[in-house]
Amino acid sequence: MTIALAPVASAAGINPVVVGIVAVVACSTFFMPYQSTIYPALYHGTGGDLFTHNQARPVAITFALATLLAVIVSVPYWRTLGLIY
């Protein structure tokens, strides 16, 4: 994703580092258990006794919303650093 969007971002006045950071942060979110390698490892490693899928779903959604909020809040900071023009 970063390789494909870096030239487009540069042309739009966005430093490719910003694209890389957003791509890394966005790839850590998951909505289904198979979208994350850590989730099934933790779930099956504990024998499913630690939490259920229904308990993990609100946490995954909250994490995704927190990630989106963090990226939005970072935009003014990136502007002050000169990474976004």
PDB file of N, CA and C in Angstrom:
ATOM      1  N   MET A   1       0.821  -1.185   0.000  1.00  0.00           N
ATOM      2  CA  MET A   1       0.000   0.000   0.000  1.00  0.00           C
ATOM      3  C   MET A   1       0.867   1.251   0.000  1.00  0.00           C
ATOM      4  N   THR A   2       1.905   1.233   0.817  1.00  0.00           N
ATOM      5  CA  THR A   2       2.771   2.407   0.908  1.00  0.00           C
ATOM      6  C   THR A   2       3.488   2.658  -0.404  1.00  0.00           C
ATOM      7  N   ILE A   3       3.963   1.606  -1.029  1.00  0.00           N
ATOM      8  CA  ILE A   3       4.695   1.757  -2.293  1.00  0.00           C
ATOM      9  C   ILE A   3       3.784   2.327  -3.384  1.00  0.00           C
ATOM     10  N   ALA A   4       2.552   1.900  -3.398  1.00  0.00           N
ATOM     11  CA  ALA A   4       1.624   2.380  -4.425  1.00  0.00           C
ATOM     12  C   ALA A   4       1.186   3.821  -4.175  1.00  0.00           C
ATOM     13  N   LEU A   5       1.033   4.198  -2.912  1.00  0.00           N
ATOM     14  CA  LEU A   5       0.500   5.525  -2.614  1.00  0.00           C
ATOM     15  C   LEU A   5       1.562   6.593  -2.379  1.00  0.00           C
ATOM     16  N   ALA A   6       2.813   6.216  -2.195  1.00  0.00           N
ATOM     17  CA  ALA A   6       3.862   7.205  -1.923  1.00  0.00           C
ATOM     18  C   ALA A   6       4.001   8.236  -3.042  1.00  0.00           C
ATOM     19  N   PRO A   7       4.048   7.848  -4.310  1.00  0.00           N
ATOM     20  CA  PRO A   7       4.150   8.868  -5.362  1.00  0.00           C
ATOM     21  C   PRO A   7       2.926   9.785  -5.431  1.00  0.00           C
ATOM     22  N   VAL A   8       1.762   9.224  -5.214  1.00  0.00           N
ATOM     23  CA  VAL A   8       0.535  10.026  -5.235  1.00  0.00           C
ATOM     24  C   VAL A   8       0.548  11.009  -4.068  1.00  0.00           C
ATOM     25  N   ALA A   9       0.984  10.529  -2.907  1.00  0.00           N
ATOM     26  CA  ALA A   9       1.044  11.392  -1.728  1.00  0.00           C
ATOM     27  C   ALA A   9       2.043  12.522  -1.932  1.00  0.00           C
ATOM     28  N   SER A  10       3.186  12.216  -2.505  1.00  0.00           N
ATOM     29  CA  SER A  10       4.195  13.250  -2.759  1.00  0.00           C
ATOM     30  C   SER A  10       3.652  14.327  -3.683  1.00  0.00           C
ATOM     31  N   ALA A  11       2.926  13.910  -4.700  1.00  0.00           N
ATOM     32  CA  ALA A  11       2.345  14.879  -5.627  1.00  0.00           C
ATOM     33  C   ALA A  11       1.276  15.741  -4.946  1.00  0.00           C
ATOM     34  N   ALA A  12       0.641  15.199  -3.911  1.00  0.00           N
ATOM     35  CA  ALA A  12      -0.397  15.938  -3.195  1.00  0.00           C
ATOM     36  C   ALA A  12       0.170  16.756  -2.036  1.00  0.00           C
ATOM     37  N   GLY A  13       1.494  16.715  -1.844  1.00  0.00           N
ATOM     38  CA  GLY A  13       2.110  17.493  -0.776  1.00  0.00           C
ATOM     39  C   GLY A  13       2.141  16.786   0.564  1.00  0.00           C
ATOM     40  N   ILE A  14       2.051  15.464   0.533  1.00  0.00           N
ATOM     41  CA  ILE A  14       2.101  14.671   1.761  1.00  0.00           C
ATOM     42  C   ILE A  14       3.381  13.856   1.745  1.00  0.00           C
ATOM     43  N   ASN A  15       4.128  13.923   2.827  1.00  0.00           N
ATOM     44  CA  ASN A  15       5.364  13.167   2.938  1.00  0.00           C
ATOM     45  C   ASN A  15       5.037  11.672   2.950  1.00  0.00           C
ATOM     46  N   PRO A  16       5.802  10.856   2.229  1.00  0.00           N
ATOM     47  CA  PRO A  16       5.548   9.415   2.214  1.00  0.00           C
ATOM     48  C   PRO A  16       5.650   8.756   3.595  1.00  0.00           C
ATOM     49  N   VAL A  17       6.340   9.383   4.525  1.00  0.00           N
ATOM     50  CA  VAL A  17       6.414   8.854   5.889  1.00  0.00           C
ATOM     51  C   VAL A  17       5.023   8.813   6.511  1.00  0.00           C
ATOM     52  N   VAL A  18       4.218   9.823   6.249  1.00  0.00           N
ATOM     53  CA  VAL A  18       2.847   9.861   6.768  1.00  0.00           C
ATOM     54  C   VAL A  18       2.050   8.690   6.212  1.00  0.00           C
ATOM     55  N   VAL A  19       2.211   8.416   4.929  1.00  0.00           N
ATOM     56  CA  VAL A  19       1.508   7.285   4.306  1.00  0.00           C
ATOM     57  C   VAL A  19       1.950   5.984   4.958  1.00  0.00           C
ATOM     58  N   GLY A  20       3.236   5.841   5.220  1.00  0.00           N
ATOM     59  CA  GLY A  20       3.746   4.639   5.870  1.00  0.00           C
ATOM     60  C   GLY A  20       3.206   4.469   7.272  1.00  0.00           C
ATOM     61  N   ILE A  21       3.171   5.540   8.048  1.00  0.00           N
ATOM     62  CA  ILE A  21       2.653   5.461   9.416  1.00  0.00           C
ATOM     63  C   ILE A  21       1.178   5.079   9.415  1.00  0.00           C
ATOM     64  N   VAL A  22       0.400   5.709   8.559  1.00  0.00           N
ATOM     65  CA  VAL A  22      -1.028   5.400   8.489  1.00  0.00           C
ATOM     66  C   VAL A  22      -1.241   3.951   8.050  1.00  0.00           C
ATOM     67  N   ALA A  23      -0.449   3.468   7.106  1.00  0.00           N
ATOM     68  CA  ALA A  23      -0.585   2.085   6.645  1.00  0.00           C
ATOM     69  C   ALA A  23      -0.263   1.096   7.759  1.00  0.00           C
ATOM     70  N   VAL A  24       0.782   1.348   8.520  1.00  0.00           N
ATOM     71  CA  VAL A  24       1.149   0.443   9.610  1.00  0.00           C
ATOM     72  C   VAL A  24       0.081   0.437  10.695  1.00  0.00           C
ATOM     73  N   VAL A  25      -0.414   1.617  11.041  1.00  0.00           N
ATOM     74  CA  VAL A  25      -1.436   1.709  12.089  1.00  0.00           C
ATOM     75  C   VAL A  25      -2.739   1.064  11.621  1.00  0.00           C
ATOM     76  N   ALA A  26      -3.112   1.299  10.388  1.00  0.00           N
ATOM     77  CA  ALA A  26      -4.367   0.754   9.870  1.00  0.00           C
ATOM     78  C   ALA A  26      -4.317  -0.763   9.745  1.00  0.00           C
ATOM     79  N   CYS A  27      -3.150  -1.317   9.513  1.00  0.00           N
ATOM     80  CA  CYS A  27      -3.033  -2.771   9.362  1.00  0.00           C
ATOM     81  C   CYS A  27      -3.137  -3.508  10.688  1.00  0.00           C
ATOM     82  N   SER A  28      -3.077  -2.801  11.794  1.00  0.00           N
ATOM     83  CA  SER A  28      -3.173  -3.479  13.088  1.00  0.00           C
ATOM     84  C   SER A  28      -4.609  -3.653  13.549  1.00  0.00           C
ATOM     85  N   THR A  29      -5.555  -3.060  12.859  1.00  0.00           N
ATOM     86  CA  THR A  29      -6.956  -3.217  13.243  1.00  0.00           C
ATOM     87  C   THR A  29      -7.514  -4.507  12.662  1.00  0.00           C
ATOM     88  N   PHE A  30      -8.540  -5.037  13.311  1.00  0.00           N
ATOM     89  CA  PHE A  30      -9.199  -6.242  12.816  1.00  0.00           C
ATOM     90  C   PHE A  30     -10.649  -6.235  13.268  1.00  0.00           C
ATOM     91  N   PHE A  31     -11.494  -6.854  12.474  1.00  0.00           N
ATOM     92  CA  PHE A  31     -12.900  -6.997  12.811  1.00  0.00           C
ATOM     93  C   PHE A  31     -13.305  -8.468  12.869  1.00  0.00           C
ATOM     94  N   MET A  32     -12.564  -9.304  12.171  1.00  0.00           N
ATOM     95  CA  MET A  32     -12.813 -10.740  12.174  1.00  0.00           C
ATOM     96  C   MET A  32     -11.592 -11.421  12.773  1.00  0.00           C
ATOM     97  N   PRO A  33     -11.752 -12.532  13.469  1.00  0.00           N
ATOM     98  CA  PRO A  33     -10.619 -13.175  14.128  1.00  0.00           C
ATOM     99  C   PRO A  33      -9.471 -13.543  13.189  1.00  0.00           C
ATOM    100  N   TYR A  34      -9.757 -13.889  11.964  1.00  0.00           N
ATOM    101  CA  TYR A  34      -8.708 -14.308  11.045  1.00  0.00           C
ATOM    102  C   TYR A  34      -7.910 -13.135  10.465  1.00  0.00           C
ATOM    103  N   GLN A  35      -8.293 -11.907  10.757  1.00  0.00           N
ATOM    104  CA  GLN A  35      -7.576 -10.748  10.226  1.00  0.00           C
ATOM    105  C   GLN A  35      -6.345 -10.388  11.047  1.00  0.00           C
ATOM    106  N   SER A  36      -6.167 -11.004  12.181  1.00  0.00           N
ATOM    107  CA  SER A  36      -5.039 -10.708  13.050  1.00  0.00           C
ATOM    108  C   SER A  36      -4.337 -12.005  13.407  1.00  0.00           C
ATOM    109  N   THR A  37      -3.030 -11.988  13.446  1.00  0.00           N
ATOM    110  CA  THR A  37      -2.299 -13.188  13.862  1.00  0.00           C
ATOM    111  C   THR A  37      -2.233 -13.297  15.382  1.00  0.00           C
ATOM    112  N   ILE A  38      -2.292 -12.169  16.060  1.00  0.00           N
ATOM    113  CA  ILE A  38      -2.201 -12.181  17.517  1.00  0.00           C
ATOM    114  C   ILE A  38      -3.496 -12.698  18.138  1.00  0.00           C
ATOM    115  N   TYR A  39      -4.622 -12.305  17.588  1.00  0.00           N
ATOM    116  CA  TYR A  39      -5.914 -12.694  18.152  1.00  0.00           C
ATOM    117  C   TYR A  39      -6.094 -14.211  18.225  1.00  0.00           C
ATOM    118  N   PRO A  40      -5.942 -14.959  17.114  1.00  0.00           N
ATOM    119  CA  PRO A  40      -6.133 -16.413  17.225  1.00  0.00           C
ATOM    120  C   PRO A  40      -5.060 -17.081  18.088  1.00  0.00           C
ATOM    121  N   ALA A  41      -3.842 -16.520  18.082  1.00  0.00           N
ATOM    122  CA  ALA A  41      -2.798 -17.102  18.924  1.00  0.00           C
ATOM    123  C   ALA A  41      -3.159 -16.969  20.399  1.00  0.00           C
ATOM    124  N   LEU A  42      -3.677 -15.817  20.785  1.00  0.00           N
ATOM    125  CA  LEU A  42      -4.089 -15.595  22.172  1.00  0.00           C
ATOM    126  C   LEU A  42      -5.336 -16.411  22.505  1.00  0.00           C
ATOM    127  N   TYR A  43      -6.274 -16.450  21.588  1.00  0.00           N
ATOM    128  CA  TYR A  43      -7.521 -17.175  21.833  1.00  0.00           C
ATOM    129  C   TYR A  43      -7.264 -18.679  21.985  1.00  0.00           C
ATOM    130  N   HIS A  44      -6.564 -19.264  21.032  1.00  0.00           N
ATOM    131  CA  HIS A  44      -6.329 -20.708  21.064  1.00  0.00           C
ATOM    132  C   HIS A  44      -5.245 -21.081  22.070  1.00  0.00           C
ATOM    133  N   GLY A  45      -4.312 -20.171  22.321  1.00  0.00           N
ATOM    134  CA  GLY A  45      -3.267 -20.440  23.312  1.00  0.00           C
ATOM    135  C   GLY A  45      -3.817 -20.554  24.719  1.00  0.00           C
ATOM    136  N   THR A  46      -4.923 -19.880  24.980  1.00  0.00           N
ATOM    137  CA  THR A  46      -5.553 -19.964  26.297  1.00  0.00           C
ATOM    138  C   THR A  46      -6.702 -20.967  26.303  1.00  0.00           C
ATOM    139  N   GLY A  47      -6.883 -21.662  25.203  1.00  0.00           N
ATOM    140  CA  GLY A  47      -7.947 -22.647  25.121  1.00  0.00           C
ATOM    141  C   GLY A  47      -9.331 -22.030  25.027  1.00  0.00           C
ATOM    142  N   GLY A  48      -9.395 -20.751  24.697  1.00  0.00           N
ATOM    143  CA  GLY A  48     -10.679 -20.070  24.594  1.00  0.00           C
ATOM    144  C   GLY A  48     -11.289 -19.750  25.950  1.00  0.00           C
ATOM    145  N   ASP A  49     -10.519 -19.923  27.029  1.00  0.00           N
ATOM    146  CA  ASP A  49     -11.041 -19.675  28.374  1.00  0.00           C
ATOM    147  C   ASP A  49     -10.916 -18.223  28.806  1.00  0.00           C
ATOM    148  N   LEU A  50     -10.051 -17.457  28.162  1.00  0.00           N
ATOM    149  CA  LEU A  50      -9.796 -16.084  28.592  1.00  0.00           C
ATOM    150  C   LEU A  50     -10.908 -15.129  28.154  1.00  0.00           C
ATOM    151  N   PHE A  51     -11.405 -15.302  26.930  1.00  0.00           N
ATOM    152  CA  PHE A  51     -12.460 -14.435  26.398  1.00  0.00           C
ATOM    153  C   PHE A  51     -13.175 -15.165  25.279  1.00  0.00           C
ATOM    154  N   THR A  52     -14.354 -14.688  24.959  1.00  0.00           N
ATOM    155  CA  THR A  52     -15.116 -15.239  23.838  1.00  0.00           C
ATOM    156  C   THR A  52     -15.029 -14.270  22.658  1.00  0.00           C
ATOM    157  N   HIS A  53     -15.445 -14.740  21.514  1.00  0.00           N
ATOM    158  CA  HIS A  53     -15.441 -13.865  20.336  1.00  0.00           C
ATOM    159  C   HIS A  53     -16.407 -12.697  20.536  1.00  0.00           C
ATOM    160  N   ASN A  54     -17.508 -12.950  21.191  1.00  0.00           N
ATOM    161  CA  ASN A  54     -18.481 -11.874  21.437  1.00  0.00           C
ATOM    162  C   ASN A  54     -17.918 -10.812  22.371  1.00  0.00           C
ATOM    163  N   GLN A  55     -17.056 -11.204  23.296  1.00  0.00           N
ATOM    164  CA  GLN A  55     -16.433 -10.231  24.186  1.00  0.00           C
ATOM    165  C   GLN A  55     -15.352  -9.434  23.471  1.00  0.00           C
ATOM    166  N   ALA A  56     -14.684 -10.038  22.508  1.00  0.00           N
ATOM    167  CA  ALA A  56     -13.579  -9.376  21.808  1.00  0.00           C
ATOM    168  C   ALA A  56     -14.069  -8.408  20.734  1.00  0.00           C
ATOM    169  N   ARG A  57     -15.242  -8.636  20.214  1.00  0.00           N
ATOM    170  CA  ARG A  57     -15.760  -7.801  19.123  1.00  0.00           C
ATOM    171  C   ARG A  57     -15.868  -6.318  19.496  1.00  0.00           C
ATOM    172  N   PRO A  58     -16.445  -5.943  20.657  1.00  0.00           N
ATOM    173  CA  PRO A  58     -16.496  -4.514  21.011  1.00  0.00           C
ATOM    174  C   PRO A  58     -15.106  -3.914  21.216  1.00  0.00           C
ATOM    175  N   VAL A  59     -14.191  -4.721  21.703  1.00  0.00           N
ATOM    176  CA  VAL A  59     -12.821  -4.231  21.884  1.00  0.00           C
ATOM    177  C   VAL A  59     -12.183  -3.946  20.529  1.00  0.00           C
ATOM    178  N   ALA A  60     -12.414  -4.820  19.551  1.00  0.00           N
ATOM    179  CA  ALA A  60     -11.861  -4.610  18.209  1.00  0.00           C
ATOM    180  C   ALA A  60     -12.443  -3.352  17.573  1.00  0.00           C
ATOM    181  N   ILE A  61     -13.729  -3.136  17.739  1.00  0.00           N
ATOM    182  CA  ILE A  61     -14.365  -1.938  17.172  1.00  0.00           C
ATOM    183  C   ILE A  61     -13.858  -0.683  17.864  1.00  0.00           C
ATOM    184  N   THR A  62     -13.723  -0.737  19.187  1.00  0.00           N
ATOM    185  CA  THR A  62     -13.188   0.402  19.939  1.00  0.00           C
ATOM    186  C   THR A  62     -11.757   0.704  19.522  1.00  0.00           C
ATOM    187  N   PHE A  63     -10.962  -0.337  19.327  1.00  0.00           N
ATOM    188  CA  PHE A  63      -9.577  -0.145  18.888  1.00  0.00           C
ATOM    189  C   PHE A  63      -9.529   0.501  17.510  1.00  0.00           C
ATOM    190  N   ALA A  64     -10.393   0.073  16.604  1.00  0.00           N
ATOM    191  CA  ALA A  64     -10.436   0.663  15.261  1.00  0.00           C
ATOM    192  C   ALA A  64     -10.831   2.133  15.320  1.00  0.00           C
ATOM    193  N   LEU A  65     -11.811   2.466  16.145  1.00  0.00           N
ATOM    194  CA  LEU A  65     -12.228   3.866  16.286  1.00  0.00           C
ATOM    195  C   LEU A  65     -11.130   4.707  16.936  1.00  0.00           C
ATOM    196  N   ALA A  66     -10.431   4.144  17.912  1.00  0.00           N
ATOM    197  CA  ALA A  66      -9.323   4.860  18.551  1.00  0.00           C
ATOM    198  C   ALA A  66      -8.186   5.093  17.568  1.00  0.00           C
ATOM    199  N   THR A  67      -7.942   4.115  16.698  1.00  0.00           N
ATOM    200  CA  THR A  67      -6.912   4.266  15.677  1.00  0.00           C
ATOM    201  C   THR A  67      -7.281   5.382  14.709  1.00  0.00           C
ATOM    202  N   LEU A  68      -8.526   5.399  14.271  1.00  0.00           N
ATOM    203  CA  LEU A  68      -8.990   6.449  13.367  1.00  0.00           C
ATOM    204  C   LEU A  68      -8.885   7.824  14.025  1.00  0.00           C
ATOM    205  N   LEU A  69      -9.289   7.914  15.276  1.00  0.00           N
ATOM    206  CA  LEU A  69      -9.188   9.169  16.009  1.00  0.00           C
ATOM    207  C   LEU A  69      -7.732   9.616  16.154  1.00  0.00           C
ATOM    208  N   ALA A  70      -6.832   8.678  16.420  1.00  0.00           N
ATOM    209  CA  ALA A  70      -5.413   9.015  16.562  1.00  0.00           C
ATOM    210  C   ALA A  70      -4.833   9.569  15.263  1.00  0.00           C
ATOM    211  N   VAL A  71      -5.213   8.989  14.139  1.00  0.00           N
ATOM    212  CA  VAL A  71      -4.733   9.494  12.849  1.00  0.00           C
ATOM    213  C   VAL A  71      -5.289  10.892  12.590  1.00  0.00           C
ATOM    214  N   ILE A  72      -6.560  11.103  12.892  1.00  0.00           N
ATOM    215  CA  ILE A  72      -7.164  12.422  12.679  1.00  0.00           C
ATOM    216  C   ILE A  72      -6.509  13.476  13.567  1.00  0.00           C
ATOM    217  N   VAL A  73      -6.254  13.129  14.813  1.00  0.00           N
ATOM    218  CA  VAL A  73      -5.624  14.069  15.742  1.00  0.00           C
ATOM    219  C   VAL A  73      -4.177  14.349  15.337  1.00  0.00           C
ATOM    220  N   SER A  74      -3.527  13.407  14.671  1.00  0.00           N
ATOM    221  CA  SER A  74      -2.132  13.577  14.270  1.00  0.00           C
ATOM    222  C   SER A  74      -1.942  14.528  13.092  1.00  0.00           C
ATOM    223  N   VAL A  75      -2.984  14.771  12.326  1.00  0.00           N
ATOM    224  CA  VAL A  75      -2.862  15.622  11.138  1.00  0.00           C
ATOM    225  C   VAL A  75      -2.328  17.017  11.468  1.00  0.00           C
ATOM    226  N   PRO A  76      -2.855  17.721  12.471  1.00  0.00           N
ATOM    227  CA  PRO A  76      -2.274  19.035  12.784  1.00  0.00           C
ATOM    228  C   PRO A  76      -0.808  18.944  13.224  1.00  0.00           C
ATOM    229  N   TYR A  77      -0.461  17.901  13.934  1.00  0.00           N
ATOM    230  CA  TYR A  77       0.930  17.709  14.351  1.00  0.00           C
ATOM    231  C   TYR A  77       1.837  17.501  13.144  1.00  0.00           C
ATOM    232  N   TRP A  78       1.376  16.680  12.194  1.00  0.00           N
ATOM    233  CA  TRP A  78       2.160  16.459  10.985  1.00  0.00           C
ATOM    234  C   TRP A  78       2.307  17.748  10.186  1.00  0.00           C
ATOM    235  N   ARG A  79       1.293  18.591  10.223  1.00  0.00           N
ATOM    236  CA  ARG A  79       1.385  19.888   9.531  1.00  0.00           C
ATOM    237  C   ARG A  79       2.451  20.770  10.182  1.00  0.00           C
ATOM    238  N   THR A  80       2.496  20.787  11.508  1.00  0.00           N
ATOM    239  CA  THR A  80       3.505  21.609  12.198  1.00  0.00           C
ATOM    240  C   THR A  80       4.908  21.087  11.949  1.00  0.00           C
ATOM    241  N   LEU A  81       5.040  19.788  11.718  1.00  0.00           N
ATOM    242  CA  LEU A  81       6.354  19.220  11.395  1.00  0.00           C
ATOM    243  C   LEU A  81       6.731  19.424   9.931  1.00  0.00           C
ATOM    244  N   GLY A  82       5.774  19.848   9.123  1.00  0.00           N
ATOM    245  CA  GLY A  82       6.038  20.052   7.713  1.00  0.00           C
ATOM    246  C   GLY A  82       5.904  18.805   6.879  1.00  0.00           C
ATOM    247  N   LEU A  83       5.273  17.770   7.436  1.00  0.00           N
ATOM    248  CA  LEU A  83       5.094  16.522   6.691  1.00  0.00           C
ATOM    249  C   LEU A  83       3.877  16.574   5.778  1.00  0.00           C
ATOM    250  N   ILE A  84       2.968  17.497   6.065  1.00  0.00           N
ATOM    251  CA  ILE A  84       1.790  17.723   5.229  1.00  0.00           C
ATOM    252  C   ILE A  84       1.769  19.218   4.907  1.00  0.00           C
ATOM    253  N   TYR A  85       1.615  19.538   3.641  1.00  0.00           N
ATOM    254  CA  TYR A  85       1.648  20.965   3.230  1.00  0.00           C
ATOM    255  C   TYR A  85       0.276  21.501   3.058  1.00  0.00           C
TER     256      TYR A  85
END
